[in-house]
C-alpha atoms as a PDB file:
ATOM      1  CA  MET A   1       0.000   0.000   0.000  1.00  0.00           C
ATOM      2  CA  SER A   2       1.220   3.469  -0.806  1.00  0.00           C
ATOM      3  CA  ILE A   3       0.052   6.803   0.588  1.00  0.00           C
ATOM      4  CA  PRO A   4       0.561  10.034  -1.379  1.00  0.00           C
ATOM      5  CA  LYS A   5       3.088  12.503   0.086  1.00  0.00           C
ATOM      6  CA  PHE A   6       3.864  10.110   2.970  1.00  0.00           C
ATOM      7  CA  GLU A   7       7.642  10.294   2.551  1.00  0.00           C
ATOM      8  CA  SER A   8       7.642  14.059   2.037  1.00  0.00           C
ATOM      9  CA  GLU A   9       5.544  14.566   5.196  1.00  0.00           C
ATOM     10  CA  TRP A  10       7.542  12.043   7.229  1.00  0.00           C
ATOM     11  CA  ASP A  11       9.542  14.543   9.308  1.00  0.00           C
ATOM     12  CA  GLY A  12       6.362  16.118  10.633  1.00  0.00           C
ATOM     13  CA  PHE A  13       4.393  12.888  10.915  1.00  0.00           C
ATOM     14  CA  LYS A  14       6.902  10.616  12.659  1.00  0.00           C
ATOM     15  CA  GLY A  15       6.217  12.295  16.014  1.00  0.00           C
ATOM     16  CA  HIS A  16       2.597  11.157  15.759  1.00  0.00           C
ATOM     17  CA  VAL A  17       3.783   7.626  15.045  1.00  0.00           C
ATOM     18  CA  ALA A  18       6.104   7.757  18.077  1.00  0.00           C
ATOM     19  CA  VAL A  19       3.217   8.811  20.316  1.00  0.00           C
ATOM     20  CA  MET A  20       0.805   6.173  19.012  1.00  0.00           C
ATOM     21  CA  TRP A  21       3.326   3.314  18.957  1.00  0.00           C
ATOM     22  CA  ASP A  22       5.721   4.121  21.791  1.00  0.00           C
ATOM     23  CA  LYS A  23       7.681   0.854  21.524  1.00  0.00           C
ATOM     24  CA  ILE A  24       9.295   2.186  18.360  1.00  0.00           C
ATOM     25  CA  ASN A  25      12.433   4.141  19.211  1.00  0.00           C
ATOM     26  CA  ASP A  26      13.807   7.241  17.505  1.00  0.00           C
ATOM     27  CA  GLU A  27      16.597   5.370  15.728  1.00  0.00           C
ATOM     28  CA  GLU A  28      14.065   3.072  14.069  1.00  0.00           C
ATOM     29  CA  LEU A  29      11.949   6.034  12.966  1.00  0.00           C
ATOM     30  CA  VAL A  30      15.011   7.717  11.464  1.00  0.00           C
ATOM     31  CA  ARG A  31      16.077   4.510   9.720  1.00  0.00           C
ATOM     32  CA  ILE A  32      12.631   4.047   8.117  1.00  0.00           C
ATOM     33  CA  GLN A  33      12.802   7.499   6.455  1.00  0.00           C
ATOM     34  CA  GLY A  34       9.116   7.527   5.597  1.00  0.00           C
ATOM     35  CA  ASN A  35       8.944   4.109   3.937  1.00  0.00           C
ATOM     36  CA  PHE A  36       5.320   3.124   4.563  1.00  0.00           C
ATOM     37  CA  THR A  37       5.841  -0.597   3.962  1.00  0.00           C
ATOM     38  CA  GLU A  38       8.785  -0.805   6.372  1.00  0.00           C
ATOM     39  CA  LEU A  39       6.869   1.148   8.999  1.00  0.00           C
ATOM     40  CA  VAL A  40       3.863  -1.182   8.755  1.00  0.00           C
ATOM     41  CA  ALA A  41       6.134  -4.230   9.049  1.00  0.00           C
ATOM     42  CA  LEU A  42       7.941  -2.753  12.078  1.00  0.00           C
ATOM     43  CA  ILE A  43       4.720  -1.874  13.913  1.00  0.00           C
ATOM     44  CA  ALA A  44       3.185  -5.271  13.125  1.00  0.00           C
ATOM     45  CA  ALA A  45       6.304  -7.048  14.430  1.00  0.00           C
ATOM     46  CA  LYS A  46       6.616  -4.964  17.624  1.00  0.00           C
ATOM     47  CA  TYR A  47       2.930  -5.092  18.515  1.00  0.00           C
ATOM     48  CA  GLY A  48       1.971  -8.504  17.085  1.00  0.00           C
ATOM     49  CA  GLU A  49      -0.797  -7.062  14.920  1.00  0.00           C
ATOM     50  CA  GLN A  50      -1.911  -7.921  11.403  1.00  0.00           C
ATOM     51  CA  LYS A  51      -0.351  -5.759   8.702  1.00  0.00           C
ATOM     52  CA  GLN A  52      -3.768  -4.820   7.310  1.00  0.00           C
ATOM     53  CA  ALA A  53      -4.916  -3.574  10.730  1.00  0.00           C
ATOM     54  CA  VAL A  54      -1.710  -1.569  11.121  1.00  0.00           C
ATOM     55  CA  GLU A  55      -2.109  -0.125   7.619  1.00  0.00           C
ATOM     56  CA  GLN A  56      -5.668   0.930   8.479  1.00  0.00           C
ATOM     57  CA  LYS A  57      -4.650   2.605  11.770  1.00  0.00           C
ATOM     58  CA  LEU A  58      -1.651   4.254  10.175  1.00  0.00           C
ATOM     59  CA  SER A  59      -3.735   5.533   7.250  1.00  0.00           C
ATOM     60  CA  GLU A  60      -6.347   6.993   9.611  1.00  0.00           C
ATOM     61  CA  LEU A  61      -3.659   8.645  11.724  1.00  0.00           C
ATOM     62  CA  TYR A  62      -2.019  10.067   8.611  1.00  0.00           C
ATOM     63  CA  ARG A  63      -5.316  11.436   7.244  1.00  0.00           C
ATOM     64  CA  SER A  64      -5.966  13.059  10.619  1.00  0.00           C
ATOM     65  CA  TYR A  65      -2.455  14.530  10.582  1.00  0.00           C
ATOM     66  CA  LEU A  66      -2.948  15.973   7.074  1.00  0.00           C
ATOM     67  CA  ALA A  67      -6.342  17.437   8.002  1.00  0.00           C
ATOM     68  CA  LYS A  68      -4.869  19.137  11.070  1.00  0.00           C
ATOM     69  CA  SER A  69      -1.889  20.320   9.042  1.00  0.00           C
ATOM     70  CA  ASP A  70      -4.145  21.785   6.352  1.00  0.00           C
ATOM     71  CA  ASP A  71      -6.325  23.425   9.001  1.00  0.00           C
ATOM     72  CA  LEU A  72      -3.260  24.897  10.693  1.00  0.00           C
ATOM     73  CA  GLN A  73      -1.986  26.263   7.385  1.00  0.00           C
ATOM     74  CA  ALA A  74      -5.384  27.801   6.636  1.00  0.00           C
ATOM     75  CA  ARG A  75      -5.567  29.414  10.086  1.00  0.00           C
ATOM     76  CA  SER A  76      -1.989  30.659   9.772  1.00  0.00           C
ATOM     77  CA  LYS A  77      -2.775  32.233   6.409  1.00  0.00           C
ATOM     78  CA  ALA A  78      -5.917  33.844   7.800  1.00  0.00           C
ATOM     79  CA  MET A  79      -3.956  35.200  10.750  1.00  0.00           C
ATOM     80  CA  ALA A  80      -1.225  36.536   8.456  1.00  0.00           C
ATOM     81  CA  ASP A  81      -3.864  38.205   6.272  1.00  0.00           C
ATOM     82  CA  THR A  82      -5.448  39.806   9.350  1.00  0.00           C
ATOM     83  CA  ILE A  83      -2.077  41.083  10.558  1.00  0.00           C
ATOM     84  CA  LYS A  84      -1.325  42.466   7.104  1.00  0.00           C
ATOM     85  CA  GLN A  85      -4.704  44.223   6.993  1.00  0.00           C
ATOM     86  CA  LYS A  86      -4.211  45.706  10.477  1.00  0.00           C
ATOM     87  CA  ALA A  87      -0.727  46.898   9.501  1.00  0.00           C
ATOM     88  CA  GLN A  88      -2.126  48.583   6.389  1.00  0.00           C
ATOM     89  CA  GLU A  89      -4.843  50.266   8.475  1.00  0.00           C
ATOM     90  CA  PHE A  90      -2.230  51.425  10.992  1.00  0.00           C
ATOM     91  CA  GLN A  91      -0.032  52.756   8.184  1.00  0.00           C
ATOM     92  CA  ALA A  92      -2.953  54.652   6.654  1.00  0.00           C
ATOM     93  CA  GLY A  93      -3.831  56.146  10.052  1.00  0.00           C
ATOM     94  CA  ALA A  94      -0.216  57.167  10.640  1.00  0.00           C
ATOM     95  CA  LYS A  95      -0.055  58.830   7.211  1.00  0.00           C
ATOM     96  CA  GLU A  96      -3.247  60.769   7.997  1.00  0.00           C
ATOM     97  CA  LYS A  97      -1.850  61.945  11.339  1.00  0.00           C
ATOM     98  CA  ILE A  98       1.439  63.017   9.767  1.00  0.00           C
ATOM     99  CA  GLN A  99      -0.436  64.918   7.071  1.00  0.00           C
ATOM    100  CA  ARG A 100      -2.635  66.594   9.701  1.00  0.00           C
ATOM    101  CA  ILE A 101       0.433  67.611  11.752  1.00  0.00           C
ATOM    102  CA  ARG A 102       2.094  68.949   8.629  1.00  0.00           C
ATOM    103  CA  GLU A 103      -0.999  70.967   7.687  1.00  0.00           C
ATOM    104  CA  GLU A 104      -1.727  72.278  11.206  1.00  0.00           C
ATOM    105  CA  SER A 105       1.773  72.911  12.550  1.00  0.00           C
ATOM    106  CA  ILE A 106       4.558  72.894   9.998  1.00  0.00           C
ATOM    107  CA  GLU A 107       3.016  74.515   6.922  1.00  0.00           C
ATOM    108  CA  PRO A 108       1.716  77.610   8.776  1.00  0.00           C
ATOM    109  CA  VAL A 109       5.162  78.239  10.261  1.00  0.00           C
ATOM    110  CA  VAL A 110       6.842  77.799   6.874  1.00  0.00           C
ATOM    111  CA  GLN A 111       4.288  80.143   5.307  1.00  0.00           C
ATOM    112  CA  LYS A 112       4.870  82.785   8.007  1.00  0.00           C
ATOM    113  CA  SER A 113       8.644  82.490   7.495  1.00  0.00           C
ATOM    114  CA  GLU A 114       8.286  82.897   3.741  1.00  0.00           C
ATOM    115  CA  ASP A 115       5.968  85.880   4.216  1.00  0.00           C
ATOM    116  CA  TYR A 116       8.467  87.518   6.607  1.00  0.00           C
ATOM    117  CA  ILE A 117      11.325  86.952   4.152  1.00  0.00           C
ATOM    118  CA  LYS A 118       9.274  88.514   1.324  1.00  0.00           C
ATOM    119  CA  VAL A 119       8.431  91.562   3.427  1.00  0.00           C
ATOM    120  CA  HIS A 120      11.865  91.920   5.110  1.00  0.00           C
ATOM    121  CA  PRO A 121      14.422  90.345   2.759  1.00  0.00           C
ATOM    122  CA  PHE A 122      17.390  92.416   3.990  1.00  0.00           C
ATOM    123  CA  SER A 123      16.753  91.574   7.653  1.00  0.00           C
ATOM    124  CA  ALA A 124      16.332  87.880   6.799  1.00  0.00           C
ATOM    125  CA  VAL A 125      19.612  87.745   4.884  1.00  0.00           C
ATOM    126  CA  LEU A 126      21.492  89.610   7.652  1.00  0.00           C
ATOM    127  CA  GLY A 127      19.964  87.345  10.271  1.00  0.00           C
ATOM    128  CA  ALA A 128      21.003  84.245   8.330  1.00  0.00           C
ATOM    129  CA  LEU A 129      24.493  85.690   7.846  1.00  0.00           C
ATOM    130  CA  GLY A 130      24.791  86.416  11.562  1.00  0.00           C
ATOM    131  CA  VAL A 131      23.703  82.926  12.523  1.00  0.00           C
ATOM    132  CA  GLY A 132      26.132  81.453   9.965  1.00  0.00           C
ATOM    133  CA  LEU A 133      29.023  83.528  11.318  1.00  0.00           C
ATOM    134  CA  LEU A 134      28.163  82.591  14.885  1.00  0.00           C
ATOM    135  CA  ILE A 135      28.057  78.872  14.100  1.00  0.00           C
ATOM    136  CA  GLY A 136      31.235  79.097  11.989  1.00  0.00           C
ATOM    137  CA  GLY A 137      33.060  80.930  14.775  1.00  0.00           C
ATOM    138  CA  LEU A 138      31.904  78.418  17.362  1.00  0.00           C
ATOM    139  CA  VAL A 139      33.014  75.475  15.222  1.00  0.00           C
ATOM    140  CA  GLY A 140      36.351  77.132  14.546  1.00  0.00           C
ATOM    141  CA  PHE A 141      36.882  77.854  18.246  1.00  0.00           C
ATOM    142  CA  LEU A 142      36.028  74.299  19.274  1.00  0.00           C
ATOM    143  CA  SER A 143      38.270  72.797  16.573  1.00  0.00           C
ATOM    144  CA  ARG A 144      41.276  74.838  17.809  1.00  0.00           C
ATOM    145  CA  LYS A 145      40.883  73.535  21.371  1.00  0.00           C
ATOM    146  CA  ASP A 146      41.460  69.912  20.313  1.00  0.00           C
END
């Protein structure tokens, strides 16, 4: 008997096998490497059961494992989608707040500064020159001390 994807799902499924058939040790599970026929033979030998009964139990356990795995993947995707949506909503809210701050606080100050410069261009240039000289002198003074 062969089960689709059994070998590719083995790493995740072998823990379920170890729980259900605890007489099988980890070395044996590693050695089997997802070979369904070898696993059935090993369980049948260790537990004295018919191979068909073991195949049936193993198939049911595997189907249950796949269903839970699929459900977990679906829930994980749904959770990721929800997180992504919340992040987008948060980003949109943050952009709105930044725009509101810009409109209410920054733009009026910039506009007032521009208006002052238009009305008093000479004073603005002299003020900027004075601040530049002050900063340049301070930097020069501090660089000489070192």
